[in-house]
Amino acid sequence: MLKDYPNLPKVGWLSILKVRSSVFAVFAFFTTIFSTNFYAGFLASYFLKKGCPSSYIGIFAFVFMVPYMICCSVFPSLFENISRKFLISFAIFGLGIAFIFQGPSELLYLPYSYGLMGLGFVLHGIMEPILLLFTYPEAIEQYYYHHGIREGENPDFDNLISNKFGSLNAFL
């Protein structure tokens, strides 16, 4: 029980947001959820207004999901020995490039091209699993490190902190 460990910090959002690395991971997760919701709502209606056939929107979703499903299966073992912070930073940068191609970006004078949009969705499908797979473990590990706690020392506390980060998914 948590009562048996009086030195453990209280787990609340304020205590999580005081840990800078955890905030970085929460931001990365928020970016990922935003990107998916951006496609589902705004981008699909934008394509329809531009004259894109509705069947192409389904193809774009398919082009996104195939690399996403493959990468979700392969990345945990492939990137096992690479720094999570590096992977998260790389994925945020890659996701930004994917957004530029998905746009299409009139600010950068990129043409309205289905090929560029498809490339953006493939890149999005590769970068998003990196963020989703590595942000929670990184945030939880940094929280433990900041408070000087060893993971596994108290299973009740481990469940509490894991549930707190897991609730972020339901919130967003």
Protein backbone atom coordinates (compact mmCIF):
# COMPACT_ATOMS: atom_id res chain seq x y z
CA MET A 1 0.00 0.00 0.00
CA LEU A 2 1.03 3.59 -0.50
CA LYS A 3 0.60 4.28 3.24
CA ASP A 4 3.65 2.12 3.90
CA TYR A 5 5.82 4.54 1.89
CA PRO A 6 5.43 8.01 3.41
CA ASN A 7 8.32 9.48 1.37
CA LEU A 8 6.64 8.96 -1.99
CA PRO A 9 5.47 12.15 -3.70
CA LYS A 10 1.81 12.74 -4.34
CA VAL A 11 0.96 11.94 -7.91
CA GLY A 12 -0.98 14.76 -9.47
CA TRP A 13 -0.79 16.66 -12.71
CA LEU A 14 1.01 19.53 -11.02
CA SER A 15 3.76 17.23 -9.75
CA ILE A 16 4.08 15.71 -13.23
CA LEU A 17 4.24 19.11 -14.93
CA LYS A 18 7.04 20.20 -12.59
CA VAL A 19 9.32 17.63 -14.24
CA ARG A 20 10.59 19.26 -17.42
CA SER A 21 11.28 16.01 -19.30
CA SER A 22 7.81 14.72 -18.47
CA VAL A 23 6.34 17.92 -19.88
CA PHE A 24 8.32 17.31 -23.07
CA ALA A 25 6.87 13.82 -23.36
CA VAL A 26 3.33 15.06 -22.66
CA PHE A 27 3.83 17.71 -25.37
CA ALA A 28 5.02 15.04 -27.81
CA PHE A 29 1.99 12.91 -27.05
CA PHE A 30 -0.32 15.91 -27.47
CA THR A 31 1.30 16.60 -30.87
CA THR A 32 0.57 13.04 -31.95
CA ILE A 33 -3.06 13.11 -30.87
CA PHE A 34 -3.54 16.52 -32.48
CA SER A 35 -2.12 15.29 -35.77
CA THR A 36 -4.52 12.37 -35.91
CA ASN A 37 -7.51 14.55 -35.03
CA PHE A 38 -6.35 17.13 -37.56
CA TYR A 39 -6.56 14.56 -40.32
CA ALA A 40 -9.90 13.15 -39.18
CA GLY A 41 -11.64 16.52 -39.02
CA PHE A 42 -10.11 19.48 -40.75
CA LEU A 43 -7.91 17.96 -43.43
CA ALA A 44 -10.56 15.60 -44.82
CA SER A 45 -13.06 18.48 -45.25
CA TYR A 46 -10.30 20.63 -46.77
CA PHE A 47 -9.57 17.95 -49.39
CA LEU A 48 -13.25 17.71 -50.29
CA LYS A 49 -13.46 21.50 -50.74
CA LYS A 50 -10.44 21.37 -53.05
CA GLY A 51 -12.19 18.82 -55.27
CA CYS A 52 -10.43 15.70 -54.06
CA PRO A 53 -12.64 12.63 -54.64
CA SER A 54 -13.91 11.14 -51.40
CA SER A 55 -12.42 7.76 -52.36
CA TYR A 56 -8.97 9.35 -52.27
CA ILE A 57 -9.49 10.32 -48.64
CA GLY A 58 -9.95 6.64 -47.84
CA ILE A 59 -6.80 5.83 -49.82
CA PHE A 60 -4.88 8.46 -47.83
CA ALA A 61 -6.11 6.86 -44.61
CA PHE A 62 -4.96 3.47 -45.91
CA VAL A 63 -1.56 4.90 -46.94
CA PHE A 64 -1.23 6.24 -43.40
CA MET A 65 -2.35 3.06 -41.61
CA VAL A 66 -0.15 0.50 -43.41
CA PRO A 67 3.21 1.98 -42.33
CA TYR A 68 1.66 2.83 -38.95
CA MET A 69 0.73 -0.79 -38.23
CA ILE A 70 4.05 -2.15 -39.49
CA CYS A 71 6.06 0.40 -37.51
CA CYS A 72 4.10 -0.24 -34.31
CA SER A 73 5.17 -3.87 -34.55
CA VAL A 74 8.80 -3.32 -35.54
CA PHE A 75 9.94 -0.12 -33.78
CA PRO A 76 10.04 -1.32 -30.15
CA SER A 77 12.71 -3.93 -30.91
CA LEU A 78 14.40 -1.92 -33.66
CA PHE A 79 14.94 1.20 -31.53
CA GLU A 80 15.55 -0.58 -28.24
CA ASN A 81 19.06 0.84 -27.73
CA ILE A 82 18.49 4.37 -29.03
CA SER A 83 17.79 7.30 -26.73
CA ARG A 84 14.06 7.95 -26.37
CA LYS A 85 14.61 11.70 -26.23
CA PHE A 86 16.41 11.58 -29.57
CA LEU A 87 13.65 9.44 -31.09
CA ILE A 88 10.91 11.75 -29.81
CA SER A 89 12.72 14.85 -31.12
CA PHE A 90 13.35 13.18 -34.47
CA ALA A 91 9.71 12.11 -34.74
CA ILE A 92 8.39 15.60 -33.95
CA PHE A 93 10.65 17.02 -36.67
CA GLY A 94 9.54 14.31 -39.10
CA LEU A 95 5.90 14.90 -38.23
CA GLY A 96 6.37 18.59 -39.04
CA ILE A 97 7.70 17.66 -42.48
CA ALA A 98 4.77 15.27 -42.95
CA PHE A 99 2.36 18.11 -42.14
CA ILE A 100 4.00 20.29 -44.79
CA PHE A 101 3.44 17.61 -47.43
CA GLN A 102 -0.07 16.77 -46.23
CA GLY A 103 -1.13 20.40 -46.27
CA PRO A 104 -0.78 21.19 -49.17
CA SER A 105 1.12 24.20 -47.97
CA GLU A 106 0.20 27.34 -49.85
CA LEU A 107 2.63 29.33 -47.70
CA LEU A 108 5.58 27.34 -49.07
CA TYR A 109 4.18 27.33 -52.62
CA LEU A 110 3.99 23.55 -52.80
CA PRO A 111 1.66 22.35 -55.52
CA TYR A 112 -1.64 20.64 -54.76
CA SER A 113 -0.41 17.15 -55.58
CA TYR A 114 -1.84 13.81 -54.54
CA GLY A 115 1.68 12.35 -54.64
CA LEU A 116 3.02 14.89 -52.14
CA MET A 117 0.00 14.35 -49.91
CA GLY A 118 0.48 10.57 -50.07
CA LEU A 119 4.15 11.03 -49.17
CA GLY A 120 3.07 13.15 -46.20
CA PHE A 121 0.68 10.46 -45.01
CA VAL A 122 3.32 7.73 -45.34
CA LEU A 123 5.79 9.85 -43.36
CA HIS A 124 3.08 10.59 -40.80
CA GLY A 125 2.40 6.84 -40.48
CA ILE A 126 6.09 6.25 -39.77
CA MET A 127 6.63 9.09 -37.29
CA GLU A 128 3.48 8.77 -35.20
CA PRO A 129 4.30 5.30 -33.77
CA ILE A 130 7.63 6.62 -32.53
CA LEU A 131 5.82 9.26 -30.50
CA LEU A 132 3.11 6.96 -29.25
CA LEU A 133 5.44 4.10 -28.30
CA PHE A 134 8.19 6.07 -26.58
CA THR A 135 6.58 9.08 -24.87
CA TYR A 136 4.92 7.34 -21.93
CA PRO A 137 7.94 5.26 -20.90
CA GLU A 138 10.16 8.34 -21.19
CA ALA A 139 7.81 10.54 -19.15
CA ILE A 140 7.41 7.94 -16.42
CA GLU A 141 11.14 7.22 -16.29
CA GLN A 142 11.94 10.93 -15.98
CA TYR A 143 9.35 11.32 -13.24
CA TYR A 144 10.94 8.48 -11.28
CA TYR A 145 14.43 9.87 -11.85
CA HIS A 146 13.42 13.36 -10.75
CA HIS A 147 11.95 12.06 -7.49
CA GLY A 148 14.68 9.47 -6.83
CA ILE A 149 12.33 6.51 -7.01
CA ARG A 150 13.18 3.11 -8.45
CA GLU A 151 10.59 1.58 -10.71
CA GLY A 152 9.15 -1.64 -9.34
CA GLU A 153 9.88 -0.72 -5.72
CA ASN A 154 6.19 -0.14 -5.02
CA PRO A 155 3.71 -1.73 -7.47
CA ASP A 156 0.84 0.43 -6.17
CA PHE A 157 2.79 3.62 -6.94
CA ASP A 158 3.80 2.24 -10.34
CA ASN A 159 0.16 1.61 -11.17
CA LEU A 160 -0.84 5.06 -9.94
CA ILE A 161 1.71 6.92 -12.06
CA SER A 162 1.02 4.72 -15.08
CA ASN A 163 -2.71 5.33 -14.75
CA LYS A 164 -2.13 9.08 -14.52
CA PHE A 165 -0.27 9.11 -17.82
CA GLY A 166 -2.76 6.68 -19.33
CA SER A 167 -5.61 9.00 -18.46
CA LEU A 168 -3.98 11.62 -20.66
CA ASN A 169 -4.89 9.48 -23.65
CA ALA A 170 -8.57 9.48 -22.67
CA PHE A 171 -8.49 13.20 -21.96
CA LEU A 172 -7.10 14.13 -25.37
